[in-house]
C-alpha cells in the first residue's frame, strides 16, 4: 500500500511539474495566462484531468499488466499570441514540459543508484515515457508545438487544424499498438544509457 501511495505521488508530481514548467516559461516569455488562471501551483486539484490523468494511464496500466503507464495533467492555458516572439517562443514553451520530465528521470536515477527502491525505478520509467509521449508530433502534444514553431506559416495553419482530431489519432495509435512500437524501443535505449533495467515489453 505504501508503494502504491509513493507511485501516485511521483505520478502526480511528474505530470504537474510538466505543466507548471510550460506555464512558467510562457510567463517568462511574455504570456501570463497560466499565472492569471492560477495554474502555476503544485496543488493537484488545479491540474487533474479525468481522461489524461485517470482514464488514459489506467488503460495503459491494465493493457500492459502493470508494466507500463503514462499520463498527463490538464494542459495549462497558453496564449501564444502574447509571447514576445510567438513562433520562436512556442518552441521553448512546448519543449519545457518534456525537458522537465527528462530532468526528473535523471534525478530519480541518482536516487535509484544510492537507494535502489523500485519506486524510483518506476518514476524513471514514467518520466521517460511521458517525455517521449509528449514529443510525438500530433496536435495538441508538445511535439506538434515544437514542429509548428519550425514550420513556415503556410504549413503551420493546416497542420494546426489536425488538433480537432488529435484525441482520436492518439487513441487509434494506442489501440493498434503503434504508440508502444515507437515509445518502448526508445525508452529501452534510454534505459541502457542510464544503466537501469529495461522494460519487459518488446515491439
N, C-alpha and C. Protein backbone atom coordinates (compact mmCIF):
# COMPACT_ATOMS: atom_id res chain seq x y z
N UNK A 1 0.83 -1.20 0.00
CA UNK A 1 0.00 0.00 0.00
C UNK A 1 0.87 1.27 0.00
N UNK A 2 1.95 1.24 0.78
CA UNK A 2 2.86 2.39 0.84
C UNK A 2 3.52 2.62 -0.50
N UNK A 3 3.85 1.52 -1.20
CA UNK A 3 4.49 1.64 -2.50
C UNK A 3 3.53 2.25 -3.52
N UNK A 4 2.25 1.87 -3.45
CA UNK A 4 1.25 2.43 -4.36
C UNK A 4 1.08 3.92 -4.10
N UNK A 5 1.05 4.30 -2.82
CA UNK A 5 0.92 5.72 -2.46
C UNK A 5 2.11 6.52 -2.99
N UNK A 6 3.32 5.94 -2.87
CA UNK A 6 4.52 6.61 -3.36
C UNK A 6 4.46 6.77 -4.88
N UNK A 7 3.97 5.74 -5.56
CA UNK A 7 3.83 5.79 -7.01
C UNK A 7 2.86 6.90 -7.43
N UNK A 8 1.73 7.00 -6.71
CA UNK A 8 0.73 8.03 -7.02
C UNK A 8 1.33 9.43 -6.84
N UNK A 9 2.13 9.60 -5.78
CA UNK A 9 2.77 10.89 -5.51
C UNK A 9 3.73 11.24 -6.64
N UNK A 10 4.55 10.27 -7.06
CA UNK A 10 5.51 10.50 -8.14
C UNK A 10 4.77 10.80 -9.45
N UNK A 11 3.72 10.06 -9.70
CA UNK A 11 2.91 10.27 -10.91
C UNK A 11 2.36 11.69 -10.96
N UNK A 12 1.69 12.11 -9.87
CA UNK A 12 1.09 13.43 -9.83
C UNK A 12 2.15 14.54 -9.90
N UNK A 13 3.24 14.36 -9.15
CA UNK A 13 4.30 15.36 -9.15
C UNK A 13 4.89 15.51 -10.55
N UNK A 14 5.08 14.41 -11.25
CA UNK A 14 5.70 14.45 -12.58
C UNK A 14 4.83 15.17 -13.60
N UNK A 15 3.52 14.85 -13.61
CA UNK A 15 2.66 15.49 -14.62
C UNK A 15 2.38 16.95 -14.26
N UNK A 16 2.33 17.24 -12.97
CA UNK A 16 2.08 18.62 -12.55
C UNK A 16 3.29 19.51 -12.85
N UNK A 17 4.49 19.02 -12.52
CA UNK A 17 5.70 19.79 -12.80
C UNK A 17 5.84 20.04 -14.30
N UNK A 18 5.47 19.05 -15.09
CA UNK A 18 5.48 19.19 -16.56
C UNK A 18 4.65 20.40 -16.98
N UNK A 19 3.41 20.48 -16.48
CA UNK A 19 2.52 21.56 -16.87
C UNK A 19 2.94 22.91 -16.28
N UNK A 20 3.38 22.90 -15.02
CA UNK A 20 3.81 24.14 -14.39
C UNK A 20 5.00 24.74 -15.15
N UNK A 21 5.89 23.89 -15.63
CA UNK A 21 7.04 24.38 -16.41
C UNK A 21 6.59 25.07 -17.69
N UNK A 22 5.57 24.51 -18.36
CA UNK A 22 5.00 25.20 -19.53
C UNK A 22 4.56 26.61 -19.15
N UNK A 23 3.80 26.69 -18.05
CA UNK A 23 3.26 27.98 -17.63
C UNK A 23 4.34 28.96 -17.20
N UNK A 24 5.35 28.46 -16.50
CA UNK A 24 6.44 29.33 -16.04
C UNK A 24 7.23 29.91 -17.20
N UNK A 25 7.56 29.05 -18.16
CA UNK A 25 8.32 29.52 -19.33
C UNK A 25 7.48 30.51 -20.15
N UNK A 26 6.20 30.21 -20.31
CA UNK A 26 5.32 31.13 -21.03
C UNK A 26 5.27 32.49 -20.33
N UNK A 27 5.19 32.46 -19.00
CA UNK A 27 5.14 33.70 -18.23
C UNK A 27 6.44 34.49 -18.40
N UNK A 28 7.56 33.80 -18.37
CA UNK A 28 8.86 34.46 -18.55
C UNK A 28 9.00 35.08 -19.94
N UNK A 29 8.31 34.47 -20.92
CA UNK A 29 8.42 34.93 -22.31
C UNK A 29 7.28 35.85 -22.72
N UNK A 30 6.50 36.31 -21.73
CA UNK A 30 5.51 37.34 -22.04
C UNK A 30 4.05 36.97 -21.92
N UNK A 31 3.72 35.69 -21.72
CA UNK A 31 2.31 35.29 -21.62
C UNK A 31 1.96 34.87 -20.20
N UNK A 32 1.23 35.70 -19.44
CA UNK A 32 0.88 35.37 -18.06
C UNK A 32 -0.44 34.61 -17.91
N UNK A 33 -0.96 34.04 -19.02
CA UNK A 33 -2.27 33.39 -18.98
C UNK A 33 -2.37 32.31 -17.92
N UNK A 34 -1.38 31.42 -17.84
CA UNK A 34 -1.40 30.35 -16.85
C UNK A 34 -1.33 30.91 -15.43
N UNK A 35 -0.53 31.92 -15.26
CA UNK A 35 -0.40 32.56 -13.95
C UNK A 35 -1.73 33.19 -13.53
N UNK A 36 -2.38 33.88 -14.45
CA UNK A 36 -3.65 34.52 -14.16
C UNK A 36 -4.75 33.50 -13.89
N UNK A 37 -4.60 32.31 -14.46
CA UNK A 37 -5.59 31.24 -14.24
C UNK A 37 -5.32 30.45 -12.96
N UNK A 38 -4.26 30.82 -12.24
CA UNK A 38 -3.93 30.13 -11.00
C UNK A 38 -3.35 28.75 -11.20
N UNK A 39 -2.70 28.53 -12.36
CA UNK A 39 -2.18 27.20 -12.67
C UNK A 39 -0.70 27.04 -12.34
N UNK A 40 -0.03 28.09 -11.90
CA UNK A 40 1.38 27.95 -11.52
C UNK A 40 1.47 27.52 -10.06
N UNK A 41 0.87 26.38 -9.78
CA UNK A 41 0.81 25.84 -8.43
C UNK A 41 1.01 24.34 -8.48
N UNK A 42 1.47 23.76 -7.37
CA UNK A 42 1.65 22.31 -7.29
C UNK A 42 0.42 21.63 -6.69
N UNK A 43 -0.64 22.38 -6.48
CA UNK A 43 -1.90 21.82 -5.95
C UNK A 43 -2.52 20.87 -6.98
N UNK A 44 -2.60 19.57 -6.68
CA UNK A 44 -3.13 18.60 -7.66
C UNK A 44 -4.53 18.92 -8.14
N UNK A 45 -5.35 19.51 -7.29
CA UNK A 45 -6.75 19.80 -7.66
C UNK A 45 -6.84 20.77 -8.84
N UNK A 46 -5.81 21.55 -9.05
CA UNK A 46 -5.79 22.51 -10.16
C UNK A 46 -5.37 21.86 -11.47
N UNK A 47 -4.89 20.63 -11.41
CA UNK A 47 -4.26 20.04 -12.60
C UNK A 47 -4.84 18.71 -13.05
N UNK A 48 -5.65 18.05 -12.23
CA UNK A 48 -6.16 16.71 -12.59
C UNK A 48 -7.17 16.80 -13.73
N UNK A 49 -6.96 15.97 -14.75
CA UNK A 49 -7.86 15.87 -15.89
C UNK A 49 -8.45 14.46 -15.90
N UNK A 50 -9.78 14.32 -16.00
CA UNK A 50 -10.41 12.99 -15.91
C UNK A 50 -9.84 11.97 -16.89
N UNK A 51 -9.61 12.39 -18.15
CA UNK A 51 -9.11 11.43 -19.12
C UNK A 51 -7.61 11.22 -19.02
N UNK A 52 -6.83 12.32 -19.18
CA UNK A 52 -5.37 12.19 -19.27
C UNK A 52 -4.72 11.80 -17.96
N UNK A 53 -5.31 12.17 -16.82
CA UNK A 53 -4.68 11.87 -15.53
C UNK A 53 -5.21 10.59 -14.90
N UNK A 54 -6.40 10.15 -15.32
CA UNK A 54 -7.01 8.97 -14.69
C UNK A 54 -7.26 7.84 -15.69
N UNK A 55 -8.09 8.09 -16.70
CA UNK A 55 -8.54 7.02 -17.59
C UNK A 55 -7.41 6.51 -18.49
N UNK A 56 -6.69 7.41 -19.17
CA UNK A 56 -5.65 7.00 -20.11
C UNK A 56 -4.52 6.21 -19.43
N UNK A 57 -3.93 6.71 -18.32
CA UNK A 57 -2.89 5.90 -17.67
C UNK A 57 -3.44 4.59 -17.12
N UNK A 58 -4.72 4.61 -16.69
CA UNK A 58 -5.33 3.37 -16.21
C UNK A 58 -5.45 2.32 -17.30
N UNK A 59 -5.84 2.76 -18.50
CA UNK A 59 -5.94 1.84 -19.64
C UNK A 59 -4.57 1.24 -19.99
N UNK A 60 -3.54 2.09 -20.01
CA UNK A 60 -2.19 1.60 -20.31
C UNK A 60 -1.70 0.63 -19.24
N UNK A 61 -1.98 0.96 -17.99
CA UNK A 61 -1.55 0.09 -16.88
C UNK A 61 -2.19 -1.29 -16.99
N UNK A 62 -3.50 -1.31 -17.29
CA UNK A 62 -4.21 -2.58 -17.38
C UNK A 62 -3.81 -3.37 -18.62
N UNK A 63 -3.65 -2.68 -19.76
CA UNK A 63 -3.34 -3.37 -21.01
C UNK A 63 -1.92 -3.94 -21.05
N UNK A 64 -1.04 -3.43 -20.19
CA UNK A 64 0.34 -3.94 -20.14
C UNK A 64 0.59 -4.73 -18.85
N UNK A 65 -0.50 -5.14 -18.19
CA UNK A 65 -0.39 -5.91 -16.95
C UNK A 65 0.49 -5.21 -15.89
N UNK A 66 0.33 -3.90 -15.83
CA UNK A 66 1.03 -3.14 -14.80
C UNK A 66 2.48 -2.83 -15.13
N UNK A 67 2.92 -3.08 -16.37
CA UNK A 67 4.33 -2.87 -16.71
C UNK A 67 4.60 -1.49 -17.30
N UNK A 68 3.54 -0.79 -17.72
CA UNK A 68 3.78 0.49 -18.39
C UNK A 68 2.55 1.39 -18.25
N UNK A 69 2.80 2.67 -17.97
CA UNK A 69 1.71 3.65 -17.91
C UNK A 69 2.29 5.05 -18.09
N UNK A 70 1.60 5.86 -18.85
CA UNK A 70 1.94 7.28 -18.95
C UNK A 70 0.63 8.05 -18.85
N UNK A 71 0.73 9.31 -18.50
CA UNK A 71 -0.46 10.14 -18.39
C UNK A 71 -0.06 11.59 -18.38
N UNK A 72 -1.03 12.47 -18.27
CA UNK A 72 -0.76 13.89 -18.28
C UNK A 72 -1.72 14.60 -17.33
N UNK A 73 -1.34 15.79 -16.93
CA UNK A 73 -2.24 16.65 -16.19
C UNK A 73 -3.01 17.51 -17.19
N UNK A 74 -4.01 18.24 -16.71
CA UNK A 74 -4.76 19.16 -17.57
C UNK A 74 -3.81 20.21 -18.12
N UNK A 75 -3.78 20.39 -19.44
CA UNK A 75 -2.85 21.36 -20.03
C UNK A 75 -3.05 22.77 -19.47
N UNK A 76 -1.96 23.46 -19.19
CA UNK A 76 -2.08 24.85 -18.74
C UNK A 76 -2.44 25.72 -19.95
N UNK A 77 -3.23 26.76 -19.75
CA UNK A 77 -3.58 27.63 -20.87
C UNK A 77 -2.39 28.51 -21.28
N UNK A 78 -2.11 28.52 -22.56
CA UNK A 78 -1.04 29.37 -23.10
C UNK A 78 -1.60 30.11 -24.31
N UNK A 79 -1.46 31.42 -24.30
CA UNK A 79 -1.87 32.24 -25.44
C UNK A 79 -0.60 32.60 -26.20
N UNK A 80 -0.32 31.84 -27.26
CA UNK A 80 0.93 32.01 -27.98
C UNK A 80 1.06 33.40 -28.60
N UNK A 81 -0.06 34.03 -28.89
CA UNK A 81 -0.01 35.37 -29.49
C UNK A 81 0.54 36.42 -28.52
N UNK A 82 0.54 36.11 -27.22
CA UNK A 82 1.03 37.07 -26.23
C UNK A 82 2.53 36.89 -25.97
N UNK A 83 3.12 35.86 -26.52
CA UNK A 83 4.56 35.66 -26.36
C UNK A 83 5.30 36.75 -27.14
N UNK A 84 6.48 37.11 -26.68
CA UNK A 84 7.23 38.20 -27.33
C UNK A 84 7.55 37.86 -28.79
N UNK A 85 7.98 36.63 -29.01
CA UNK A 85 8.28 36.16 -30.36
C UNK A 85 7.52 34.83 -30.53
N UNK A 86 6.23 34.90 -30.90
CA UNK A 86 5.35 33.73 -30.85
C UNK A 86 5.90 32.44 -31.45
N UNK A 87 6.40 32.49 -32.69
CA UNK A 87 6.85 31.24 -33.32
C UNK A 87 8.08 30.66 -32.62
N UNK A 88 9.04 31.50 -32.28
CA UNK A 88 10.24 31.01 -31.61
C UNK A 88 9.93 30.56 -30.18
N UNK A 89 9.20 31.41 -29.45
CA UNK A 89 8.94 31.13 -28.05
C UNK A 89 8.00 29.94 -27.85
N UNK A 90 7.17 29.64 -28.87
CA UNK A 90 6.31 28.46 -28.82
C UNK A 90 7.15 27.21 -28.63
N UNK A 91 8.31 27.18 -29.27
CA UNK A 91 9.21 26.03 -29.17
C UNK A 91 9.71 25.87 -27.74
N UNK A 92 10.13 26.98 -27.13
CA UNK A 92 10.65 26.93 -25.77
C UNK A 92 9.58 26.50 -24.78
N UNK A 93 8.38 27.05 -24.93
CA UNK A 93 7.27 26.69 -24.03
C UNK A 93 6.94 25.21 -24.16
N UNK A 94 6.84 24.72 -25.39
CA UNK A 94 6.49 23.32 -25.62
C UNK A 94 7.57 22.37 -25.12
N UNK A 95 8.84 22.72 -25.37
CA UNK A 95 9.94 21.83 -25.00
C UNK A 95 10.17 21.77 -23.49
N UNK A 96 9.72 22.79 -22.76
CA UNK A 96 10.00 22.85 -21.32
C UNK A 96 9.35 21.71 -20.55
N UNK A 97 8.17 21.25 -21.00
CA UNK A 97 7.49 20.16 -20.29
C UNK A 97 8.25 18.84 -20.38
N UNK A 98 8.50 18.32 -21.61
CA UNK A 98 9.28 17.09 -21.73
C UNK A 98 10.67 17.21 -21.10
N UNK A 99 11.30 18.38 -21.24
CA UNK A 99 12.62 18.57 -20.64
C UNK A 99 12.56 18.41 -19.13
N UNK A 100 11.51 18.94 -18.52
CA UNK A 100 11.34 18.80 -17.07
C UNK A 100 11.24 17.32 -16.68
N UNK A 101 10.54 16.53 -17.50
CA UNK A 101 10.42 15.10 -17.19
C UNK A 101 11.73 14.36 -17.35
N UNK A 102 12.53 14.73 -18.35
CA UNK A 102 13.83 14.08 -18.52
C UNK A 102 14.77 14.44 -17.37
N UNK A 103 14.68 15.67 -16.88
CA UNK A 103 15.49 16.07 -15.73
C UNK A 103 15.05 15.30 -14.48
N UNK A 104 13.73 15.14 -14.30
CA UNK A 104 13.23 14.36 -13.16
C UNK A 104 13.70 12.92 -13.25
N UNK A 105 13.72 12.35 -14.47
CA UNK A 105 14.20 10.98 -14.65
C UNK A 105 15.66 10.86 -14.24
N UNK A 106 16.48 11.86 -14.60
CA UNK A 106 17.89 11.85 -14.22
C UNK A 106 18.06 11.94 -12.70
N UNK A 107 17.27 12.79 -12.06
CA UNK A 107 17.34 12.93 -10.59
C UNK A 107 16.93 11.64 -9.91
N UNK A 108 15.88 11.00 -10.42
CA UNK A 108 15.43 9.74 -9.83
C UNK A 108 16.43 8.62 -10.10
N UNK A 109 17.15 8.72 -11.21
CA UNK A 109 18.19 7.73 -11.49
C UNK A 109 19.31 7.81 -10.45
N UNK A 110 19.65 9.04 -10.04
CA UNK A 110 20.65 9.22 -8.98
C UNK A 110 20.15 8.59 -7.68
N UNK A 111 18.87 8.84 -7.37
CA UNK A 111 18.28 8.26 -6.14
C UNK A 111 18.26 6.74 -6.22
N UNK A 112 17.97 6.21 -7.40
CA UNK A 112 17.93 4.75 -7.60
C UNK A 112 19.31 4.13 -7.37
N UNK A 113 20.36 4.82 -7.80
CA UNK A 113 21.71 4.29 -7.62
C UNK A 113 22.09 4.20 -6.14
N UNK A 114 21.68 5.22 -5.36
CA UNK A 114 22.02 5.24 -3.93
C UNK A 114 21.00 4.52 -3.06
N UNK A 115 19.74 4.58 -3.46
CA UNK A 115 18.66 3.93 -2.69
C UNK A 115 17.81 3.12 -3.66
N UNK A 116 18.25 1.89 -3.99
CA UNK A 116 17.59 1.10 -5.04
C UNK A 116 16.21 0.58 -4.67
N UNK A 117 15.28 1.52 -4.49
CA UNK A 117 13.88 1.17 -4.23
C UNK A 117 13.13 1.17 -5.57
N UNK A 118 12.29 0.16 -5.81
CA UNK A 118 11.57 0.08 -7.10
C UNK A 118 10.75 1.33 -7.43
N UNK A 119 10.35 2.07 -6.41
CA UNK A 119 9.55 3.28 -6.65
C UNK A 119 10.32 4.28 -7.52
N UNK A 120 11.64 4.42 -7.27
CA UNK A 120 12.45 5.34 -8.07
C UNK A 120 12.54 4.84 -9.51
N UNK A 121 12.63 3.52 -9.66
CA UNK A 121 12.72 2.94 -10.99
C UNK A 121 11.43 3.20 -11.77
N UNK A 122 10.29 3.02 -11.11
CA UNK A 122 9.01 3.32 -11.77
C UNK A 122 8.94 4.79 -12.15
N UNK A 123 9.46 5.64 -11.27
CA UNK A 123 9.47 7.08 -11.54
C UNK A 123 10.30 7.42 -12.77
N UNK A 124 11.44 6.74 -12.92
CA UNK A 124 12.29 6.96 -14.11
C UNK A 124 11.53 6.54 -15.36
N UNK A 125 10.95 5.33 -15.33
CA UNK A 125 10.20 4.84 -16.48
C UNK A 125 9.08 5.82 -16.86
N UNK A 126 8.35 6.26 -15.84
CA UNK A 126 7.21 7.13 -16.11
C UNK A 126 7.65 8.44 -16.73
N UNK A 127 8.68 9.05 -16.18
CA UNK A 127 9.12 10.35 -16.70
C UNK A 127 9.74 10.23 -18.09
N UNK A 128 10.44 9.14 -18.35
CA UNK A 128 10.94 8.93 -19.71
C UNK A 128 9.76 8.75 -20.67
N UNK A 129 8.77 7.98 -20.23
CA UNK A 129 7.61 7.71 -21.07
C UNK A 129 6.80 8.95 -21.38
N UNK A 130 6.52 9.75 -20.36
CA UNK A 130 5.71 10.95 -20.59
C UNK A 130 6.48 11.98 -21.41
N UNK A 131 7.80 12.05 -21.21
CA UNK A 131 8.61 12.97 -22.01
C UNK A 131 8.57 12.59 -23.49
N UNK A 132 8.76 11.30 -23.77
CA UNK A 132 8.75 10.83 -25.16
C UNK A 132 7.35 10.94 -25.77
N UNK A 133 6.33 10.57 -25.00
CA UNK A 133 4.96 10.63 -25.49
C UNK A 133 4.60 12.04 -25.93
N UNK A 134 4.98 13.01 -25.13
CA UNK A 134 4.64 14.40 -25.44
C UNK A 134 5.42 14.94 -26.63
N UNK A 135 6.50 14.29 -27.00
CA UNK A 135 7.27 14.73 -28.17
C UNK A 135 6.70 14.20 -29.48
N UNK A 136 5.68 13.34 -29.41
CA UNK A 136 5.03 12.87 -30.64
C UNK A 136 4.38 14.07 -31.33
N UNK A 137 4.65 14.28 -32.61
CA UNK A 137 4.17 15.49 -33.30
C UNK A 137 2.72 15.43 -33.74
N UNK A 138 1.83 15.12 -32.81
CA UNK A 138 0.40 15.13 -33.09
C UNK A 138 -0.25 16.21 -32.23
N UNK A 139 -0.87 17.22 -32.84
CA UNK A 139 -1.54 18.25 -32.04
C UNK A 139 -2.58 17.61 -31.12
N UNK A 140 -2.67 17.99 -29.85
CA UNK A 140 -2.02 19.14 -29.23
C UNK A 140 -0.77 18.78 -28.41
N UNK A 141 -0.14 17.63 -28.67
CA UNK A 141 1.03 17.24 -27.89
C UNK A 141 2.19 18.22 -28.13
N UNK A 142 3.12 18.26 -27.20
CA UNK A 142 4.21 19.24 -27.25
C UNK A 142 5.04 19.14 -28.52
N UNK A 143 5.21 17.94 -29.02
CA UNK A 143 5.99 17.76 -30.25
C UNK A 143 5.40 18.53 -31.42
N UNK A 144 4.07 18.63 -31.45
CA UNK A 144 3.43 19.38 -32.54
C UNK A 144 3.70 20.87 -32.41
N UNK A 145 3.76 21.38 -31.17
CA UNK A 145 4.04 22.81 -30.97
C UNK A 145 5.48 23.13 -31.38
N UNK A 146 6.39 22.22 -31.06
CA UNK A 146 7.78 22.42 -31.47
C UNK A 146 7.88 22.44 -32.99
N UNK A 147 7.20 21.49 -33.63
CA UNK A 147 7.22 21.41 -35.10
C UNK A 147 6.58 22.65 -35.73
N UNK A 148 5.48 23.13 -35.14
CA UNK A 148 4.82 24.32 -35.67
C UNK A 148 5.72 25.54 -35.60
N UNK A 149 6.51 25.61 -34.53
CA UNK A 149 7.42 26.74 -34.38
C UNK A 149 8.51 26.74 -35.43
N UNK A 150 8.77 25.58 -36.03
CA UNK A 150 9.80 25.46 -37.06
C UNK A 150 9.24 25.56 -38.48
N UNK A 151 7.91 25.46 -38.59
CA UNK A 151 7.26 25.44 -39.90
C UNK A 151 7.05 26.85 -40.46
N UNK A 152 7.00 26.97 -41.77
CA UNK A 152 6.51 28.24 -42.36
C UNK A 152 5.02 28.36 -42.08
N UNK A 153 4.52 29.59 -42.04
CA UNK A 153 3.11 29.82 -41.72
C UNK A 153 2.17 29.11 -42.69
N UNK A 154 2.58 28.96 -43.93
CA UNK A 154 1.73 28.32 -44.93
C UNK A 154 1.42 26.86 -44.59
N UNK A 155 2.34 26.20 -43.89
CA UNK A 155 2.12 24.81 -43.46
C UNK A 155 1.58 24.75 -42.04
N UNK A 156 1.90 25.74 -41.24
CA UNK A 156 1.53 25.74 -39.83
C UNK A 156 0.01 25.74 -39.64
N UNK A 157 -0.69 26.58 -40.41
CA UNK A 157 -2.14 26.70 -40.22
C UNK A 157 -2.89 25.40 -40.53
N UNK A 158 -2.66 24.76 -41.69
CA UNK A 158 -3.37 23.49 -41.95
C UNK A 158 -2.96 22.38 -40.98
N UNK A 159 -1.69 22.38 -40.57
CA UNK A 159 -1.23 21.38 -39.61
C UNK A 159 -1.94 21.55 -38.27
N UNK A 160 -2.13 22.79 -37.83
CA UNK A 160 -2.78 23.05 -36.55
C UNK A 160 -4.22 22.56 -36.55
N UNK A 161 -4.85 22.49 -37.72
CA UNK A 161 -6.25 22.05 -37.80
C UNK A 161 -6.42 20.57 -37.46
N UNK A 162 -5.31 19.83 -37.47
CA UNK A 162 -5.36 18.40 -37.11
C UNK A 162 -5.76 18.24 -35.65
N UNK A 163 -5.57 19.31 -34.86
CA UNK A 163 -5.80 19.21 -33.41
C UNK A 163 -7.20 18.73 -33.07
N UNK A 164 -8.18 19.06 -33.89
CA UNK A 164 -9.55 18.64 -33.59
C UNK A 164 -9.69 17.12 -33.64
N UNK A 165 -8.76 16.47 -34.34
CA UNK A 165 -8.78 15.01 -34.42
C UNK A 165 -7.67 14.36 -33.58
N UNK A 166 -6.91 15.19 -32.87
CA UNK A 166 -5.75 14.69 -32.14
C UNK A 166 -6.07 13.57 -31.17
N UNK A 167 -7.14 13.74 -30.40
CA UNK A 167 -7.53 12.72 -29.42
C UNK A 167 -7.80 11.39 -30.11
N UNK A 168 -8.53 11.42 -31.22
CA UNK A 168 -8.88 10.20 -31.94
C UNK A 168 -7.64 9.54 -32.53
N UNK A 169 -6.71 10.36 -33.04
CA UNK A 169 -5.48 9.81 -33.61
C UNK A 169 -4.66 9.10 -32.53
N UNK A 170 -4.52 9.74 -31.37
CA UNK A 170 -3.76 9.15 -30.26
C UNK A 170 -4.42 7.86 -29.80
N UNK A 171 -5.75 7.87 -29.71
CA UNK A 171 -6.48 6.67 -29.30
C UNK A 171 -6.28 5.55 -30.31
N UNK A 172 -6.27 5.88 -31.60
CA UNK A 172 -6.05 4.87 -32.64
C UNK A 172 -4.63 4.30 -32.55
N UNK A 173 -3.65 5.15 -32.29
CA UNK A 173 -2.27 4.68 -32.13
C UNK A 173 -2.15 3.73 -30.95
N UNK A 174 -2.90 4.03 -29.88
CA UNK A 174 -2.90 3.15 -28.71
C UNK A 174 -3.56 1.81 -29.04
N UNK A 175 -4.73 1.86 -29.69
CA UNK A 175 -5.49 0.64 -29.96
C UNK A 175 -4.75 -0.28 -30.93
N UNK A 176 -3.99 0.30 -31.87
CA UNK A 176 -3.27 -0.51 -32.87
C UNK A 176 -1.88 -0.95 -32.41
N UNK A 177 -1.43 -0.42 -31.27
CA UNK A 177 -0.12 -0.79 -30.77
C UNK A 177 1.02 0.05 -31.32
N UNK A 178 0.70 0.96 -32.25
CA UNK A 178 1.75 1.80 -32.85
C UNK A 178 2.38 2.70 -31.80
N UNK A 179 1.57 3.14 -30.84
CA UNK A 179 2.08 4.00 -29.77
C UNK A 179 3.21 3.31 -29.02
N UNK A 180 2.99 2.05 -28.67
CA UNK A 180 4.02 1.29 -27.96
C UNK A 180 5.23 1.00 -28.84
N UNK A 181 4.98 0.74 -30.12
CA UNK A 181 6.07 0.33 -31.01
C UNK A 181 7.11 1.43 -31.20
N UNK A 182 6.74 2.68 -30.92
CA UNK A 182 7.70 3.77 -31.00
C UNK A 182 8.29 4.08 -29.64
N UNK A 183 7.44 4.18 -28.63
CA UNK A 183 7.90 4.63 -27.32
C UNK A 183 8.77 3.59 -26.61
N UNK A 184 8.36 2.33 -26.63
CA UNK A 184 9.07 1.31 -25.84
C UNK A 184 10.52 1.11 -26.30
N UNK A 185 10.80 0.97 -27.61
CA UNK A 185 12.21 0.81 -28.01
C UNK A 185 13.08 2.01 -27.63
N UNK A 186 12.55 3.22 -27.78
CA UNK A 186 13.33 4.40 -27.42
C UNK A 186 13.55 4.44 -25.91
N UNK A 187 12.52 4.07 -25.15
CA UNK A 187 12.68 4.01 -23.69
C UNK A 187 13.75 3.00 -23.29
N UNK A 188 13.75 1.84 -23.93
CA UNK A 188 14.75 0.82 -23.61
C UNK A 188 16.15 1.28 -23.97
N UNK A 189 16.27 2.06 -25.06
CA UNK A 189 17.57 2.62 -25.42
C UNK A 189 18.05 3.58 -24.33
N UNK A 190 17.13 4.43 -23.83
CA UNK A 190 17.48 5.37 -22.76
C UNK A 190 17.79 4.63 -21.46
N UNK A 191 17.09 3.52 -21.23
CA UNK A 191 17.38 2.71 -20.04
C UNK A 191 18.80 2.16 -20.09
N UNK A 192 19.24 1.75 -21.27
CA UNK A 192 20.61 1.24 -21.41
C UNK A 192 21.61 2.36 -21.13
N UNK A 193 21.31 3.57 -21.60
CA UNK A 193 22.19 4.70 -21.36
C UNK A 193 22.26 5.02 -19.86
N UNK A 194 21.11 4.94 -19.18
CA UNK A 194 21.05 5.23 -17.75
C UNK A 194 21.53 4.05 -16.89
N UNK A 195 21.78 2.92 -17.54
CA UNK A 195 22.23 1.71 -16.85
C UNK A 195 21.20 1.23 -15.82
N UNK A 196 19.95 1.14 -16.27
CA UNK A 196 18.89 0.60 -15.42
C UNK A 196 18.20 -0.52 -16.19
N UNK A 197 17.45 -1.39 -15.50
CA UNK A 197 16.77 -2.49 -16.18
C UNK A 197 15.83 -1.98 -17.26
N UNK A 198 15.81 -2.67 -18.39
CA UNK A 198 14.91 -2.28 -19.46
C UNK A 198 13.50 -2.75 -19.17
N UNK A 199 12.53 -2.16 -19.86
CA UNK A 199 11.15 -2.57 -19.70
C UNK A 199 10.96 -3.98 -20.24
N UNK A 200 10.15 -4.75 -19.57
CA UNK A 200 9.90 -6.12 -20.01
C UNK A 200 8.85 -6.19 -21.08
N UNK A 201 8.91 -5.25 -22.03
CA UNK A 201 7.96 -5.22 -23.15
C UNK A 201 8.77 -4.99 -24.41
N UNK A 202 8.49 -5.74 -25.44
CA UNK A 202 9.24 -5.57 -26.69
C UNK A 202 8.29 -5.40 -27.86
N UNK A 203 8.71 -4.56 -28.84
CA UNK A 203 7.92 -4.34 -30.04
C UNK A 203 8.84 -4.30 -31.25
